[in-house]
Amino acid sequence: MVTKSSDYSKKLLALRKLEGLTQMRFSAITGISLGTLKNYETGQKPARAEVMEKVLKTEMFKKYTMWLLHDEDTDASNQITPILVNCESDLLKASPKTRKKKYALNNVKEDDNTLVINSIVKNMTDEERLELAKLLSKEGFRLLLKLLDPDNQSLLNLPDKKKRAALRLESMDDEQFREILSKIEGNTDLPQEEMNVFTKKTVG
């Protein structure tokens, strides 16, 4: 199960204002009840990652996916991905009133985790950022949640040889797997990360 503690309430409010939408209109588009939306925007209730995932399923908000990783206000020629270029382009087409609110987004404070993510994105090559943008545009916020899953991180951090062994589990029949699992469970000297690989297979 993915656990994510970040509160996206301020970003939710920023997205709505940037699009120049009323609370009622935003509620109708996203399917978030008006009362719940008001609670998010007034800070009475935190908006968790699952809420943003729901919002980003709506076509008009998909362009903001990368903004969840990168908040810098730069001109269109210096944006880190085509998705952000589109975001800037849409902003220029917006009404003067909406442009005045330009990047209410930038007033949203970053937590330590966001700063770390921003740092990683800045150090990526143009090609790497483009690939990331393509993935996010197809998979959206769900991909981020998968990457944040501690079990998935454990699998990704395994040495190549052990990672290949873990991948071979998918093609094994149940009898073969149970035999291997019984041997693994009887070996208490194995590191926890290796145990996690086999435990994860049993719930699949």
Protein backbone atom coordinates (compact mmCIF):
# COMPACT_ATOMS: atom_id res chain seq x y z
CA MET A 1 0.00 0.00 0.00
CA VAL A 2 1.31 3.44 -0.93
CA THR A 3 1.68 5.87 1.92
CA LYS A 4 2.02 9.54 1.09
CA SER A 5 1.85 12.22 3.75
CA SER A 6 2.11 15.37 1.59
CA ASP A 7 -0.86 17.75 1.71
CA TYR A 8 -1.76 19.01 -1.77
CA SER A 9 -4.48 21.42 -0.61
CA LYS A 10 -2.56 24.56 -1.62
CA LYS A 11 -1.65 23.12 -5.00
CA LEU A 12 -5.28 22.15 -5.55
CA LEU A 13 -6.31 25.74 -4.87
CA ALA A 14 -3.52 27.03 -7.13
CA LEU A 15 -4.63 24.83 -10.04
CA ARG A 16 -8.22 26.03 -9.74
CA LYS A 17 -7.23 29.69 -9.63
CA LEU A 18 -4.78 29.36 -12.50
CA GLU A 19 -7.57 27.99 -14.69
CA GLY A 20 -9.91 30.77 -13.52
CA LEU A 21 -12.53 28.30 -12.29
CA THR A 22 -15.10 28.82 -9.56
CA GLN A 23 -15.28 26.24 -6.79
CA MET A 24 -18.59 25.00 -8.20
CA ARG A 25 -17.18 24.58 -11.71
CA PHE A 26 -14.01 22.90 -10.44
CA SER A 27 -16.16 20.54 -8.36
CA ALA A 28 -18.26 19.62 -11.39
CA ILE A 29 -15.20 18.96 -13.57
CA THR A 30 -13.22 16.89 -11.07
CA GLY A 31 -16.03 15.10 -9.25
CA ILE A 32 -14.84 16.38 -5.88
CA SER A 33 -17.86 17.46 -3.84
CA LEU A 34 -18.17 21.20 -3.24
CA GLY A 35 -18.11 20.77 0.53
CA THR A 36 -14.98 18.63 0.41
CA LEU A 37 -13.28 21.09 -1.95
CA LYS A 38 -14.00 23.97 0.44
CA ASN A 39 -12.54 21.95 3.30
CA TYR A 40 -9.36 21.36 1.26
CA GLU A 41 -8.97 25.01 0.32
CA THR A 42 -9.55 26.31 3.85
CA GLY A 43 -7.12 23.81 5.33
CA GLN A 44 -9.77 21.96 7.32
CA LYS A 45 -8.95 18.72 5.53
CA PRO A 46 -5.71 17.62 3.82
CA ALA A 47 -5.78 16.73 0.13
CA ARG A 48 -3.72 13.58 -0.21
CA ALA A 49 -1.99 12.14 -3.27
CA GLU A 50 -5.08 10.15 -4.22
CA VAL A 51 -7.04 13.40 -4.61
CA MET A 52 -4.46 14.83 -7.02
CA GLU A 53 -4.46 11.55 -8.92
CA LYS A 54 -8.21 11.96 -9.43
CA VAL A 55 -7.79 15.59 -10.56
CA LEU A 56 -5.02 14.73 -13.01
CA LYS A 57 -7.24 12.18 -14.76
CA THR A 58 -9.15 15.18 -16.15
CA GLU A 59 -7.70 16.17 -19.53
CA MET A 60 -7.42 19.90 -18.81
CA PHE A 61 -5.25 19.29 -15.74
CA LYS A 62 -2.87 16.67 -17.16
CA LYS A 63 -0.47 19.41 -18.26
CA TYR A 64 0.26 20.13 -14.59
CA THR A 65 1.61 16.65 -13.84
CA MET A 66 5.26 17.71 -14.13
CA TRP A 67 4.61 20.76 -11.96
CA LEU A 68 4.21 18.37 -9.04
CA LEU A 69 7.90 17.60 -9.52
CA HIS A 70 9.14 21.04 -10.49
CA ASP A 71 7.78 24.44 -9.40
CA GLU A 72 10.25 26.90 -10.90
CA ASP A 73 8.86 29.94 -12.77
CA THR A 74 10.87 30.15 -15.99
CA ASP A 75 10.05 31.40 -19.47
CA ALA A 76 8.76 29.01 -22.09
CA SER A 77 12.15 28.60 -23.80
CA ASN A 78 13.68 27.34 -20.58
CA GLN A 79 10.95 24.97 -19.44
CA ILE A 80 12.16 21.50 -18.55
CA THR A 81 9.60 19.54 -20.60
CA PRO A 82 7.11 20.04 -23.45
CA ILE A 83 4.33 19.60 -20.87
CA LEU A 84 5.49 22.69 -19.02
CA VAL A 85 5.86 24.61 -22.28
CA ASN A 86 2.19 23.88 -22.97
CA CYS A 87 1.33 25.09 -19.49
CA GLU A 88 3.12 28.39 -20.14
CA SER A 89 1.48 28.70 -23.55
CA ASP A 90 -1.97 28.23 -22.05
CA LEU A 91 -1.16 30.85 -19.47
CA LEU A 92 -0.37 33.41 -22.19
CA LYS A 93 -3.75 32.71 -23.80
CA ALA A 94 -5.57 33.20 -20.51
CA SER A 95 -7.51 36.31 -19.56
CA PRO A 96 -5.60 39.25 -17.97
CA LYS A 97 -7.29 38.43 -14.67
CA THR A 98 -6.00 34.87 -14.78
CA ARG A 99 -2.52 35.99 -15.84
CA LYS A 100 -2.46 38.36 -12.91
CA LYS A 101 -2.72 35.35 -10.69
CA LYS A 102 0.16 33.91 -12.68
CA TYR A 103 1.72 31.19 -10.66
CA ALA A 104 -0.20 31.38 -7.52
CA LEU A 105 1.57 28.07 -7.86
CA ASN A 106 4.89 29.65 -6.98
CA ASN A 107 3.58 30.82 -3.64
CA VAL A 108 3.12 27.23 -2.57
CA LYS A 109 5.90 26.30 -0.17
CA GLU A 110 7.96 23.25 -0.99
CA ASP A 111 8.57 20.60 1.62
CA ASP A 112 11.92 18.83 1.91
CA ASN A 113 10.79 15.94 -0.28
CA THR A 114 9.78 18.29 -3.09
CA LEU A 115 13.15 20.04 -2.91
CA VAL A 116 14.91 16.71 -3.26
CA ILE A 117 12.77 15.81 -6.28
CA ASN A 118 13.43 19.23 -7.84
CA SER A 119 17.15 18.74 -7.38
CA ILE A 120 17.00 15.37 -9.12
CA VAL A 121 15.02 16.76 -12.05
CA LYS A 122 17.44 19.68 -12.49
CA ASN A 123 20.36 17.26 -12.75
CA MET A 124 18.73 15.12 -15.43
CA THR A 125 19.74 15.49 -19.06
CA ASP A 126 17.29 16.92 -21.59
CA GLU A 127 16.74 13.42 -22.98
CA GLU A 128 16.02 12.01 -19.51
CA ARG A 129 13.56 14.78 -18.73
CA LEU A 130 11.82 14.21 -22.05
CA GLU A 131 11.45 10.49 -21.31
CA LEU A 132 10.11 11.32 -17.85
CA ALA A 133 7.62 13.75 -19.37
CA LYS A 134 6.41 11.10 -21.83
CA LEU A 135 5.92 8.58 -19.03
CA LEU A 136 4.05 11.03 -16.84
CA SER A 137 1.83 12.21 -19.68
CA LYS A 138 0.78 8.59 -20.29
CA GLU A 139 0.64 7.25 -16.75
CA GLY A 140 0.08 10.46 -14.82
CA PHE A 141 0.18 10.62 -11.05
CA ARG A 142 -0.34 6.87 -10.69
CA LEU A 143 3.24 6.36 -11.88
CA LEU A 144 4.56 8.65 -9.15
CA LEU A 145 2.66 6.72 -6.52
CA LYS A 146 4.15 3.46 -7.78
CA LEU A 147 7.65 4.92 -7.63
CA LEU A 148 7.05 6.08 -4.07
CA ASP A 149 5.97 2.61 -2.93
CA PRO A 150 8.70 1.44 -0.47
CA ASP A 151 8.42 -2.15 -1.77
CA ASN A 152 8.99 -1.01 -5.34
CA GLN A 153 11.97 1.07 -4.23
CA SER A 154 13.46 -2.01 -2.54
CA LEU A 155 13.12 -3.95 -5.78
CA LEU A 156 14.68 -1.17 -7.84
CA ASN A 157 17.63 -0.92 -5.45
CA LEU A 158 18.54 -4.61 -5.65
CA PRO A 159 21.88 -5.45 -7.34
CA ASP A 160 21.43 -6.44 -11.00
CA LYS A 161 21.99 -10.16 -10.39
CA LYS A 162 19.35 -10.29 -7.63
CA LYS A 163 17.00 -8.15 -9.70
CA ARG A 164 17.22 -10.65 -12.56
CA ALA A 165 16.49 -13.46 -10.11
CA ALA A 166 13.45 -11.60 -8.82
CA LEU A 167 12.14 -11.09 -12.36
CA ARG A 168 12.40 -14.83 -13.04
CA LEU A 169 9.82 -15.43 -10.30
CA GLU A 170 7.08 -14.16 -12.64
CA SER A 171 7.51 -17.11 -15.01
CA MET A 172 7.64 -19.77 -12.27
CA ASP A 173 4.66 -21.98 -11.57
CA ASP A 174 3.23 -21.96 -8.05
CA GLU A 175 4.82 -25.25 -7.03
CA GLN A 176 8.32 -24.08 -7.95
CA PHE A 177 7.78 -20.81 -6.18
CA ARG A 178 6.49 -22.44 -2.98
CA GLU A 179 9.55 -24.68 -2.91
CA ILE A 180 11.91 -21.73 -3.19
CA LEU A 181 9.91 -19.69 -0.70
CA SER A 182 10.06 -22.44 1.92
CA LYS A 183 13.86 -22.48 1.62
CA ILE A 184 14.03 -18.69 1.82
CA GLU A 185 11.82 -18.51 4.89
CA GLY A 186 14.00 -21.09 6.60
CA ASN A 187 17.10 -18.97 6.06
CA THR A 188 17.04 -16.28 8.75
CA ASP A 189 20.41 -14.89 7.63
CA LEU A 190 19.00 -13.33 4.46
CA PRO A 191 18.84 -9.50 4.37
CA GLN A 192 15.35 -8.05 4.75
CA GLU A 193 15.39 -6.55 1.24
CA GLU A 194 15.76 -10.03 -0.26
CA MET A 195 12.98 -11.40 1.93
CA ASN A 196 10.77 -8.55 0.70
CA VAL A 197 11.19 -9.70 -2.90
CA PHE A 198 9.71 -13.11 -2.15
CA THR A 199 7.06 -11.81 0.23
CA LYS A 200 5.85 -9.39 -2.45
CA LYS A 201 5.49 -12.27 -4.90
CA THR A 202 3.15 -14.15 -2.55
CA VAL A 203 0.61 -11.32 -2.49
CA GLY A 204 0.62 -10.94 -6.29
